Amino acid sequence: MPKRVDHQERRQHIAAALLRVISRDGLEAVSLRHVATEAGVTAGMVQHYFPSKGSMMDFAMRTASARYEARVTAQLALLGEEPEPHRVLRTLLAMMIPTDDSEEDDGHVALAFQAYAATHPDAADYLEEGNELLRNHFAELVRAADGRRDADLAATILLAAAEGLGVHVLSSRLPTSQARASLDHLVDALLDAP
């Protein structure tokens, strides 16, 4: 009887290997052969599932996004049934600052994808769509927490600050506690929140 192959599982396995390569060695190390070695499969198998580096990167970006969304969902569930908007906002912002090895790995991957998107329009479109959804969600939370503010402007400021602080944590060893305290201070200043 022929062995049944779960193609989605194989794609996920290869994408996980790609994410490890990016996190550990950087985007410049990504090749079919390097990813195949990391995944413990042949380069031909990688090429079967991902005919180009672009298709592999696209799938990996979506996989990384799904992992991040799962972490966000789990953290938001801890806030209870109807958390106050400023608590949700603080939680979402804090999650953009890596606190452990796994989150640092994901942060390095996110930085690599941003660099990749700078020269690949399809990837840029995907990241732009995700940023727009996040910015709109932040704006809704700002409106709910403090209707007096320009919610769109506040959302843009908060997103840029969180991303920038996350980059500094990853690249210049800014202490996580300082980055998170900076975000809390910014939320307080923008929302007059408790």
N, C-alpha and C. Protein backbone atom coordinates (compact mmCIF):
# COMPACT_ATOMS: atom_id res chain seq x y z
N MET A 1 0.85 -1.18 0.00
CA MET A 1 0.00 0.00 0.00
C MET A 1 0.90 1.24 0.00
N PRO A 2 0.64 2.18 -0.91
CA PRO A 2 1.48 3.37 -0.98
C PRO A 2 1.30 4.26 0.26
N LYS A 3 2.40 4.90 0.61
CA LYS A 3 2.39 5.78 1.77
C LYS A 3 1.63 7.06 1.43
N ARG A 4 0.75 7.48 2.34
CA ARG A 4 -0.01 8.73 2.15
C ARG A 4 0.86 9.89 2.61
N VAL A 5 0.92 10.90 1.77
CA VAL A 5 1.74 12.07 2.06
C VAL A 5 0.83 13.25 2.35
N ASP A 6 1.08 13.89 3.46
CA ASP A 6 0.35 15.11 3.81
C ASP A 6 1.14 16.29 3.25
N HIS A 7 0.70 16.79 2.11
CA HIS A 7 1.45 17.84 1.41
C HIS A 7 1.50 19.14 2.21
N GLN A 8 0.42 19.45 2.90
CA GLN A 8 0.43 20.67 3.72
C GLN A 8 1.44 20.54 4.86
N GLU A 9 1.50 19.37 5.45
CA GLU A 9 2.47 19.13 6.52
C GLU A 9 3.90 19.26 6.00
N ARG A 10 4.15 18.74 4.79
CA ARG A 10 5.49 18.86 4.20
C ARG A 10 5.83 20.33 3.94
N ARG A 11 4.87 21.08 3.41
CA ARG A 11 5.11 22.52 3.19
C ARG A 11 5.43 23.22 4.51
N GLN A 12 4.68 22.89 5.55
CA GLN A 12 4.92 23.49 6.86
C GLN A 12 6.31 23.12 7.39
N HIS A 13 6.70 21.88 7.18
CA HIS A 13 8.01 21.41 7.63
C HIS A 13 9.12 22.19 6.92
N ILE A 14 8.97 22.36 5.63
CA ILE A 14 9.97 23.11 4.85
C ILE A 14 9.96 24.58 5.25
N ALA A 15 8.77 25.15 5.45
CA ALA A 15 8.68 26.55 5.87
C ALA A 15 9.33 26.76 7.23
N ALA A 16 9.14 25.81 8.15
CA ALA A 16 9.78 25.91 9.47
C ALA A 16 11.30 25.90 9.33
N ALA A 17 11.80 25.07 8.42
CA ALA A 17 13.25 25.04 8.17
C ALA A 17 13.72 26.37 7.60
N LEU A 18 12.95 26.93 6.68
CA LEU A 18 13.29 28.24 6.12
C LEU A 18 13.34 29.30 7.21
N LEU A 19 12.36 29.30 8.10
CA LEU A 19 12.33 30.29 9.18
C LEU A 19 13.55 30.13 10.10
N ARG A 20 13.96 28.90 10.35
CA ARG A 20 15.16 28.68 11.18
C ARG A 20 16.41 29.21 10.48
N VAL A 21 16.51 28.97 9.18
CA VAL A 21 17.67 29.46 8.41
C VAL A 21 17.71 30.98 8.46
N ILE A 22 16.56 31.62 8.22
CA ILE A 22 16.52 33.08 8.22
C ILE A 22 16.90 33.62 9.59
N SER A 23 16.33 33.06 10.64
CA SER A 23 16.59 33.54 12.00
C SER A 23 18.06 33.37 12.38
N ARG A 24 18.62 32.24 12.05
CA ARG A 24 19.98 31.92 12.47
C ARG A 24 21.05 32.53 11.56
N ASP A 25 20.81 32.47 10.23
CA ASP A 25 21.87 32.82 9.28
C ASP A 25 21.58 34.04 8.43
N GLY A 26 20.35 34.54 8.50
CA GLY A 26 20.00 35.71 7.71
C GLY A 26 19.42 35.35 6.35
N LEU A 27 18.79 36.33 5.75
CA LEU A 27 18.12 36.14 4.47
C LEU A 27 19.08 35.75 3.36
N GLU A 28 20.30 36.27 3.43
CA GLU A 28 21.28 35.98 2.38
C GLU A 28 21.65 34.50 2.33
N ALA A 29 21.40 33.76 3.39
CA ALA A 29 21.72 32.33 3.43
C ALA A 29 20.63 31.46 2.81
N VAL A 30 19.50 32.05 2.46
CA VAL A 30 18.38 31.26 1.95
C VAL A 30 18.67 30.79 0.52
N SER A 31 18.67 29.48 0.36
CA SER A 31 18.76 28.85 -0.96
C SER A 31 18.01 27.53 -0.87
N LEU A 32 17.63 26.98 -2.00
CA LEU A 32 16.93 25.69 -1.99
C LEU A 32 17.77 24.64 -1.27
N ARG A 33 19.06 24.63 -1.57
CA ARG A 33 19.95 23.62 -0.99
C ARG A 33 20.08 23.80 0.53
N HIS A 34 20.25 25.04 0.97
CA HIS A 34 20.42 25.30 2.41
C HIS A 34 19.13 24.94 3.17
N VAL A 35 18.00 25.32 2.62
CA VAL A 35 16.72 25.00 3.27
C VAL A 35 16.48 23.50 3.27
N ALA A 36 16.83 22.83 2.17
CA ALA A 36 16.67 21.37 2.11
C ALA A 36 17.51 20.68 3.17
N THR A 37 18.75 21.12 3.32
CA THR A 37 19.62 20.55 4.34
C THR A 37 19.03 20.74 5.73
N GLU A 38 18.56 21.96 6.00
CA GLU A 38 17.96 22.26 7.31
C GLU A 38 16.72 21.40 7.56
N ALA A 39 15.93 21.16 6.50
CA ALA A 39 14.69 20.38 6.63
C ALA A 39 14.95 18.88 6.62
N GLY A 40 16.16 18.47 6.21
CA GLY A 40 16.45 17.04 6.12
C GLY A 40 15.77 16.38 4.94
N VAL A 41 15.58 17.14 3.87
CA VAL A 41 14.96 16.62 2.65
C VAL A 41 15.86 16.97 1.47
N THR A 42 15.49 16.51 0.30
CA THR A 42 16.29 16.82 -0.89
C THR A 42 15.92 18.20 -1.45
N ALA A 43 16.86 18.78 -2.17
CA ALA A 43 16.57 20.06 -2.83
C ALA A 43 15.43 19.88 -3.83
N GLY A 44 15.35 18.69 -4.44
CA GLY A 44 14.26 18.42 -5.38
C GLY A 44 12.90 18.46 -4.70
N MET A 45 12.83 17.95 -3.46
CA MET A 45 11.56 18.00 -2.75
C MET A 45 11.18 19.44 -2.44
N VAL A 46 12.16 20.24 -2.01
CA VAL A 46 11.87 21.65 -1.74
C VAL A 46 11.35 22.31 -3.01
N GLN A 47 12.01 22.03 -4.13
CA GLN A 47 11.60 22.64 -5.40
C GLN A 47 10.24 22.13 -5.86
N HIS A 48 9.90 20.89 -5.52
CA HIS A 48 8.59 20.34 -5.87
C HIS A 48 7.48 21.16 -5.19
N TYR A 49 7.68 21.47 -3.92
CA TYR A 49 6.66 22.21 -3.17
C TYR A 49 6.76 23.72 -3.38
N PHE A 50 7.96 24.19 -3.65
CA PHE A 50 8.17 25.64 -3.84
C PHE A 50 9.05 25.83 -5.07
N PRO A 51 8.43 26.06 -6.23
CA PRO A 51 9.20 26.14 -7.48
C PRO A 51 10.16 27.33 -7.55
N SER A 52 10.00 28.29 -6.66
CA SER A 52 10.89 29.45 -6.68
C SER A 52 11.15 29.91 -5.25
N LYS A 53 12.21 30.68 -5.10
CA LYS A 53 12.51 31.25 -3.79
C LYS A 53 11.36 32.16 -3.36
N GLY A 54 10.77 32.87 -4.32
CA GLY A 54 9.65 33.76 -4.01
C GLY A 54 8.46 33.01 -3.43
N SER A 55 8.13 31.85 -4.01
CA SER A 55 6.99 31.08 -3.49
C SER A 55 7.30 30.54 -2.10
N MET A 56 8.56 30.18 -1.88
CA MET A 56 8.96 29.69 -0.56
C MET A 56 8.88 30.83 0.46
N MET A 57 9.36 32.01 0.09
CA MET A 57 9.32 33.17 0.99
C MET A 57 7.87 33.57 1.29
N ASP A 58 7.02 33.54 0.27
CA ASP A 58 5.62 33.90 0.47
C ASP A 58 4.95 32.96 1.48
N PHE A 59 5.15 31.67 1.30
CA PHE A 59 4.55 30.71 2.22
C PHE A 59 5.11 30.88 3.63
N ALA A 60 6.41 31.12 3.73
CA ALA A 60 7.03 31.30 5.04
C ALA A 60 6.51 32.56 5.73
N MET A 61 6.30 33.64 4.97
CA MET A 61 5.74 34.86 5.56
C MET A 61 4.37 34.59 6.14
N ARG A 62 3.56 33.86 5.39
CA ARG A 62 2.22 33.55 5.86
C ARG A 62 2.27 32.62 7.09
N THR A 63 3.20 31.70 7.09
CA THR A 63 3.37 30.80 8.24
C THR A 63 3.79 31.59 9.48
N ALA A 64 4.74 32.50 9.32
CA ALA A 64 5.20 33.32 10.45
C ALA A 64 4.06 34.20 10.96
N SER A 65 3.27 34.75 10.05
CA SER A 65 2.12 35.57 10.45
C SER A 65 1.11 34.76 11.24
N ALA A 66 0.85 33.54 10.80
CA ALA A 66 -0.10 32.67 11.50
C ALA A 66 0.40 32.34 12.90
N ARG A 67 1.71 32.12 13.05
CA ARG A 67 2.28 31.85 14.38
C ARG A 67 2.10 33.05 15.29
N TYR A 68 2.36 34.24 14.76
CA TYR A 68 2.22 35.47 15.55
C TYR A 68 0.75 35.66 15.95
N GLU A 69 -0.17 35.46 15.01
CA GLU A 69 -1.60 35.61 15.30
C GLU A 69 -2.05 34.63 16.38
N ALA A 70 -1.52 33.42 16.37
CA ALA A 70 -1.88 32.44 17.40
C ALA A 70 -1.41 32.90 18.78
N ARG A 71 -0.19 33.47 18.84
CA ARG A 71 0.30 33.99 20.13
C ARG A 71 -0.56 35.16 20.60
N VAL A 72 -0.93 36.04 19.67
CA VAL A 72 -1.77 37.19 20.02
C VAL A 72 -3.11 36.71 20.55
N THR A 73 -3.73 35.78 19.86
CA THR A 73 -5.03 35.26 20.29
C THR A 73 -4.95 34.67 21.69
N ALA A 74 -3.89 33.93 21.96
CA ALA A 74 -3.73 33.33 23.29
C ALA A 74 -3.56 34.40 24.37
N GLN A 75 -2.77 35.43 24.08
CA GLN A 75 -2.57 36.51 25.07
C GLN A 75 -3.85 37.30 25.31
N LEU A 76 -4.58 37.59 24.24
CA LEU A 76 -5.82 38.35 24.40
C LEU A 76 -6.86 37.56 25.17
N ALA A 77 -6.86 36.25 25.02
CA ALA A 77 -7.81 35.42 25.77
C ALA A 77 -7.57 35.52 27.27
N LEU A 78 -6.33 35.77 27.66
CA LEU A 78 -6.01 35.90 29.09
C LEU A 78 -6.59 37.18 29.70
N LEU A 79 -6.99 38.13 28.85
CA LEU A 79 -7.54 39.39 29.35
C LEU A 79 -9.00 39.27 29.77
N GLY A 80 -9.64 38.15 29.45
CA GLY A 80 -11.03 37.96 29.84
C GLY A 80 -12.02 38.30 28.75
N GLU A 81 -13.30 38.28 29.11
CA GLU A 81 -14.40 38.44 28.15
C GLU A 81 -14.42 39.79 27.43
N GLU A 82 -14.46 40.87 28.18
CA GLU A 82 -14.55 42.20 27.58
C GLU A 82 -13.51 43.12 28.20
N PRO A 83 -12.25 42.96 27.81
CA PRO A 83 -11.20 43.78 28.41
C PRO A 83 -11.31 45.24 27.97
N GLU A 84 -10.79 46.12 28.81
CA GLU A 84 -10.79 47.54 28.47
C GLU A 84 -9.89 47.75 27.26
N PRO A 85 -10.27 48.66 26.37
CA PRO A 85 -9.50 48.88 25.13
C PRO A 85 -8.03 49.19 25.37
N HIS A 86 -7.72 50.00 26.39
CA HIS A 86 -6.32 50.33 26.62
C HIS A 86 -5.51 49.11 27.06
N ARG A 87 -6.15 48.13 27.74
CA ARG A 87 -5.45 46.90 28.12
C ARG A 87 -5.15 46.05 26.89
N VAL A 88 -6.11 46.00 25.97
CA VAL A 88 -5.88 45.26 24.73
C VAL A 88 -4.74 45.92 23.95
N LEU A 89 -4.79 47.24 23.85
CA LEU A 89 -3.76 47.97 23.12
C LEU A 89 -2.38 47.74 23.74
N ARG A 90 -2.29 47.84 25.05
CA ARG A 90 -1.00 47.61 25.73
C ARG A 90 -0.50 46.18 25.48
N THR A 91 -1.40 45.22 25.50
CA THR A 91 -1.02 43.83 25.27
C THR A 91 -0.50 43.65 23.85
N LEU A 92 -1.21 44.19 22.87
CA LEU A 92 -0.77 44.06 21.48
C LEU A 92 0.58 44.73 21.26
N LEU A 93 0.76 45.91 21.83
CA LEU A 93 2.03 46.62 21.68
C LEU A 93 3.16 45.86 22.36
N ALA A 94 2.91 45.36 23.56
CA ALA A 94 3.95 44.62 24.28
C ALA A 94 4.38 43.38 23.51
N MET A 95 3.46 42.77 22.78
CA MET A 95 3.79 41.57 22.02
C MET A 95 4.71 41.85 20.84
N MET A 96 4.88 43.10 20.50
CA MET A 96 5.78 43.45 19.40
C MET A 96 7.23 43.58 19.89
N ILE A 97 7.42 43.44 21.20
CA ILE A 97 8.75 43.49 21.80
C ILE A 97 9.13 42.07 22.22
N PRO A 98 10.18 41.50 21.62
CA PRO A 98 10.53 40.12 21.95
C PRO A 98 11.04 39.97 23.38
N THR A 99 10.58 38.89 24.05
CA THR A 99 10.97 38.67 25.44
C THR A 99 11.69 37.33 25.67
N ASP A 100 11.68 36.45 24.68
CA ASP A 100 12.37 35.17 24.85
C ASP A 100 13.01 34.76 23.52
N ASP A 101 13.71 33.65 23.53
CA ASP A 101 14.44 33.22 22.33
C ASP A 101 13.52 32.99 21.14
N SER A 102 12.36 32.39 21.40
CA SER A 102 11.42 32.13 20.31
C SER A 102 10.92 33.43 19.69
N GLU A 103 10.58 34.40 20.53
CA GLU A 103 10.11 35.69 20.01
C GLU A 103 11.25 36.45 19.33
N GLU A 104 12.47 36.30 19.83
CA GLU A 104 13.61 36.93 19.16
C GLU A 104 13.81 36.31 17.78
N ASP A 105 13.71 34.98 17.69
CA ASP A 105 13.82 34.32 16.39
C ASP A 105 12.77 34.87 15.43
N ASP A 106 11.53 34.96 15.91
CA ASP A 106 10.46 35.49 15.06
C ASP A 106 10.72 36.95 14.69
N GLY A 107 11.29 37.71 15.61
CA GLY A 107 11.63 39.10 15.32
C GLY A 107 12.68 39.21 14.23
N HIS A 108 13.69 38.35 14.28
CA HIS A 108 14.72 38.35 13.22
C HIS A 108 14.10 37.99 11.88
N VAL A 109 13.18 37.05 11.89
CA VAL A 109 12.48 36.67 10.66
C VAL A 109 11.66 37.84 10.14
N ALA A 110 10.95 38.53 11.02
CA ALA A 110 10.14 39.68 10.60
C ALA A 110 11.01 40.77 9.98
N LEU A 111 12.17 41.03 10.57
CA LEU A 111 13.08 42.01 10.00
C LEU A 111 13.56 41.58 8.62
N ALA A 112 13.87 40.30 8.48
CA ALA A 112 14.31 39.79 7.18
C ALA A 112 13.20 39.94 6.14
N PHE A 113 11.96 39.66 6.53
CA PHE A 113 10.85 39.81 5.59
C PHE A 113 10.66 41.27 5.19
N GLN A 114 10.86 42.19 6.12
CA GLN A 114 10.74 43.60 5.77
C GLN A 114 11.82 43.99 4.76
N ALA A 115 13.03 43.50 4.96
CA ALA A 115 14.11 43.77 4.01
C ALA A 115 13.78 43.15 2.65
N TYR A 116 13.26 41.94 2.66
CA TYR A 116 12.88 41.26 1.42
C TYR A 116 11.78 42.04 0.70
N ALA A 117 10.81 42.53 1.46
CA ALA A 117 9.68 43.26 0.87
C ALA A 117 10.11 44.57 0.22
N ALA A 118 11.23 45.12 0.66
CA ALA A 118 11.71 46.38 0.09
C ALA A 118 12.04 46.24 -1.39
N THR A 119 12.33 45.02 -1.84
CA THR A 119 12.67 44.81 -3.26
C THR A 119 11.76 43.81 -3.96
N HIS A 120 10.71 43.37 -3.29
CA HIS A 120 9.78 42.39 -3.88
C HIS A 120 8.36 42.89 -3.67
N PRO A 121 7.76 43.47 -4.71
CA PRO A 121 6.44 44.11 -4.57
C PRO A 121 5.34 43.22 -4.01
N ASP A 122 5.32 41.94 -4.37
CA ASP A 122 4.26 41.06 -3.84
C ASP A 122 4.38 40.92 -2.32
N ALA A 123 5.61 40.78 -1.85
CA ALA A 123 5.83 40.69 -0.40
C ALA A 123 5.47 42.01 0.27
N ALA A 124 5.81 43.11 -0.40
CA ALA A 124 5.47 44.43 0.16
C ALA A 124 3.96 44.59 0.28
N ASP A 125 3.23 44.12 -0.72
CA ASP A 125 1.77 44.20 -0.67
C ASP A 125 1.22 43.41 0.52
N TYR A 126 1.78 42.22 0.74
CA TYR A 126 1.32 41.39 1.85
C TYR A 126 1.60 42.07 3.19
N LEU A 127 2.80 42.61 3.36
CA LEU A 127 3.13 43.29 4.61
C LEU A 127 2.31 44.56 4.79
N GLU A 128 2.08 45.28 3.70
CA GLU A 128 1.27 46.50 3.78
C GLU A 128 -0.15 46.17 4.24
N GLU A 129 -0.69 45.09 3.70
CA GLU A 129 -2.04 44.66 4.09
C GLU A 129 -2.10 44.33 5.58
N GLY A 130 -1.11 43.61 6.07
CA GLY A 130 -1.06 43.27 7.49
C GLY A 130 -0.90 44.48 8.38
N ASN A 131 -0.02 45.40 7.96
CA ASN A 131 0.17 46.63 8.74
C ASN A 131 -1.09 47.48 8.77
N GLU A 132 -1.78 47.52 7.65
CA GLU A 132 -3.02 48.31 7.59
C GLU A 132 -4.08 47.73 8.52
N LEU A 133 -4.21 46.42 8.54
CA LEU A 133 -5.16 45.78 9.46
C LEU A 133 -4.80 46.08 10.92
N LEU A 134 -3.52 45.99 11.24
CA LEU A 134 -3.08 46.26 12.60
C LEU A 134 -3.29 47.73 12.97
N ARG A 135 -2.93 48.62 12.07
CA ARG A 135 -3.12 50.06 12.32
C ARG A 135 -4.60 50.38 12.52
N ASN A 136 -5.47 49.80 11.69
CA ASN A 136 -6.91 50.03 11.83
C ASN A 136 -7.42 49.50 13.17
N HIS A 137 -6.92 48.35 13.58
CA HIS A 137 -7.33 47.79 14.87
C HIS A 137 -6.87 48.69 16.01
N PHE A 138 -5.63 49.16 15.93
CA PHE A 138 -5.12 50.10 16.93
C PHE A 138 -6.00 51.35 16.98
N ALA A 139 -6.38 51.86 15.80
CA ALA A 139 -7.21 53.08 15.75
C ALA A 139 -8.56 52.83 16.42
N GLU A 140 -9.16 51.66 16.18
CA GLU A 140 -10.43 51.33 16.83
C GLU A 140 -10.27 51.31 18.35
N LEU A 141 -9.18 50.74 18.82
CA LEU A 141 -8.93 50.68 20.26
C LEU A 141 -8.70 52.07 20.85
N VAL A 142 -7.98 52.92 20.12
CA VAL A 142 -7.75 54.30 20.58
C VAL A 142 -9.08 55.04 20.66
N ARG A 143 -9.92 54.89 19.64
CA ARG A 143 -11.25 55.54 19.65
C ARG A 143 -12.07 55.08 20.85
N ALA A 144 -12.04 53.79 21.10
CA ALA A 144 -12.82 53.25 22.22
C ALA A 144 -12.27 53.70 23.57
N ALA A 145 -10.95 53.87 23.65
CA ALA A 145 -10.33 54.26 24.92
C ALA A 145 -10.40 55.76 25.15
N ASP A 146 -10.32 56.54 24.08
CA ASP A 146 -10.28 58.00 24.22
C ASP A 146 -10.75 58.62 22.92
N GLY A 147 -12.03 58.88 22.81
CA GLY A 147 -12.62 59.41 21.59
C GLY A 147 -12.18 60.81 21.22
N ARG A 148 -11.43 61.48 22.10
CA ARG A 148 -10.99 62.85 21.82
C ARG A 148 -9.77 62.90 20.90
N ARG A 149 -9.07 61.83 20.76
CA ARG A 149 -7.81 61.80 20.01
C ARG A 149 -8.04 61.56 18.52
N ASP A 150 -7.04 61.97 17.73
CA ASP A 150 -7.00 61.58 16.32
C ASP A 150 -6.53 60.12 16.32
N ALA A 151 -7.47 59.22 16.24
CA ALA A 151 -7.18 57.80 16.42
C ALA A 151 -6.24 57.26 15.34
N ASP A 152 -6.40 57.71 14.11
CA ASP A 152 -5.53 57.21 13.03
C ASP A 152 -4.09 57.65 13.25
N LEU A 153 -3.90 58.90 13.65
CA LEU A 153 -2.55 59.40 13.92
C LEU A 153 -1.95 58.66 15.12
N ALA A 154 -2.72 58.50 16.18
CA ALA A 154 -2.22 57.80 17.36
C ALA A 154 -1.85 56.36 17.02
N ALA A 155 -2.66 55.70 16.20
CA ALA A 155 -2.38 54.32 15.81
C ALA A 155 -1.08 54.23 15.02
N THR A 156 -0.86 55.17 14.12
CA THR A 156 0.38 55.18 13.33
C THR A 156 1.59 55.39 14.24
N ILE A 157 1.47 56.32 15.18
CA ILE A 157 2.56 56.60 16.12
C ILE A 157 2.86 55.35 16.96
N LEU A 158 1.83 54.71 17.48
CA LEU A 158 2.02 53.54 18.33
C LEU A 158 2.65 52.37 17.56
N LEU A 159 2.17 52.13 16.35
CA LEU A 159 2.72 51.04 15.54
C LEU A 159 4.19 51.31 15.21
N ALA A 160 4.49 52.54 14.79
CA ALA A 160 5.88 52.88 14.45
C ALA A 160 6.79 52.77 15.68
N ALA A 161 6.31 53.23 16.82
CA ALA A 161 7.11 53.16 18.04
C ALA A 161 7.37 51.71 18.44
N ALA A 162 6.34 50.88 18.41
CA ALA A 162 6.50 49.48 18.80
C ALA A 162 7.46 48.76 17.86
N GLU A 163 7.30 48.98 16.55
CA GLU A 163 8.20 48.33 15.60
C GLU A 163 9.63 48.82 15.78
N GLY A 164 9.79 50.13 15.96
CA GLY A 164 11.13 50.69 16.14
C GLY A 164 11.80 50.19 17.40
N LEU A 165 11.07 50.14 18.49
CA LEU A 165 11.64 49.63 19.74
C LEU A 165 11.97 48.14 19.61
N GLY A 166 11.12 47.39 18.91
CA GLY A 166 11.41 45.98 18.68
C GLY A 166 12.71 45.79 17.91
N VAL A 167 12.94 46.64 16.90
CA VAL A 167 14.19 46.58 16.14
C VAL A 167 15.38 46.86 17.05
N HIS A 168 15.25 47.85 17.93
CA HIS A 168 16.35 48.17 18.83
C HIS A 168 16.62 47.06 19.84
N VAL A 169 15.59 46.38 20.29
CA VAL A 169 15.79 45.23 21.18
C VAL A 169 16.59 44.16 20.44
N LEU A 170 16.26 43.92 19.17
CA LEU A 170 16.91 42.87 18.40
C LEU A 170 18.32 43.25 17.94
N SER A 171 18.51 44.52 17.57
CA SER A 171 19.76 44.88 16.91
C SER A 171 20.76 45.62 17.79
N SER A 172 20.29 46.35 18.78
CA SER A 172 21.24 47.12 19.60
C SER A 172 21.11 46.81 21.09
N ARG A 173 20.46 45.70 21.39
CA ARG A 173 20.35 45.19 22.76
C ARG A 173 19.67 46.13 23.74
N LEU A 174 18.72 46.92 23.24
CA LEU A 174 17.90 47.71 24.14
C LEU A 174 17.19 46.74 25.08
N PRO A 175 17.27 46.95 26.39
CA PRO A 175 16.59 46.02 27.30
C PRO A 175 15.08 45.99 27.05
N THR A 176 14.53 44.79 27.07
CA THR A 176 13.10 44.61 26.86
C THR A 176 12.29 45.45 27.84
N SER A 177 12.74 45.48 29.08
CA SER A 177 11.99 46.25 30.09
C SER A 177 11.94 47.73 29.73
N GLN A 178 13.02 48.26 29.19
CA GLN A 178 13.04 49.67 28.79
C GLN A 178 12.12 49.90 27.58
N ALA A 179 12.13 48.98 26.64
CA ALA A 179 11.26 49.12 25.47
C ALA A 179 9.79 49.08 25.88
N ARG A 180 9.45 48.15 26.74
CA ARG A 180 8.05 48.04 27.18
C ARG A 180 7.64 49.25 28.03
N ALA A 181 8.53 49.73 28.88
CA ALA A 181 8.23 50.92 29.68
C ALA A 181 8.03 52.13 28.76
N SER A 182 8.80 52.21 27.70
CA SER A 182 8.65 53.31 26.74
C SER A 182 7.28 53.26 26.07
N LEU A 183 6.85 52.07 25.70
CA LEU A 183 5.52 51.93 25.09
C LEU A 183 4.42 52.28 26.08
N ASP A 184 4.55 51.84 27.32
CA ASP A 184 3.55 52.19 28.33
C ASP A 184 3.48 53.70 28.51
N HIS A 185 4.63 54.35 28.55
CA HIS A 185 4.67 55.81 28.69
C HIS A 185 3.98 56.48 27.49
N LEU A 186 4.23 55.96 26.30
CA LEU A 186 3.62 56.53 25.10
C LEU A 186 2.10 56.35 25.12
N VAL A 187 1.64 55.18 25.50
CA VAL A 187 0.18 54.95 25.61
C VAL A 187 -0.41 55.92 26.62
N ASP A 188 0.24 56.07 27.77
CA ASP A 188 -0.25 57.02 28.78
C ASP A 188 -0.33 58.43 28.22
N ALA A 189 0.71 58.84 27.50
CA ALA A 189 0.74 60.20 26.95
C ALA A 189 -0.32 60.41 25.88
N LEU A 190 -0.53 59.40 25.05
CA LEU A 190 -1.49 59.55 23.96
C LEU A 190 -2.94 59.41 24.41
N LEU A 191 -3.17 58.58 25.42
CA LEU A 191 -4.55 58.26 25.80
C LEU A 191 -4.97 58.78 27.16
N ASP A 192 -4.06 59.33 27.90
CA ASP A 192 -4.36 59.70 29.28
C ASP A 192 -4.97 58.50 30.00
N ALA A 193 -4.42 57.32 29.69
CA ALA A 193 -4.99 56.07 30.22
C ALA A 193 -4.35 55.71 31.55
N PRO A 194 -5.08 54.97 32.38
CA PRO A 194 -4.53 54.53 33.67
C PRO A 194 -3.44 53.49 33.46
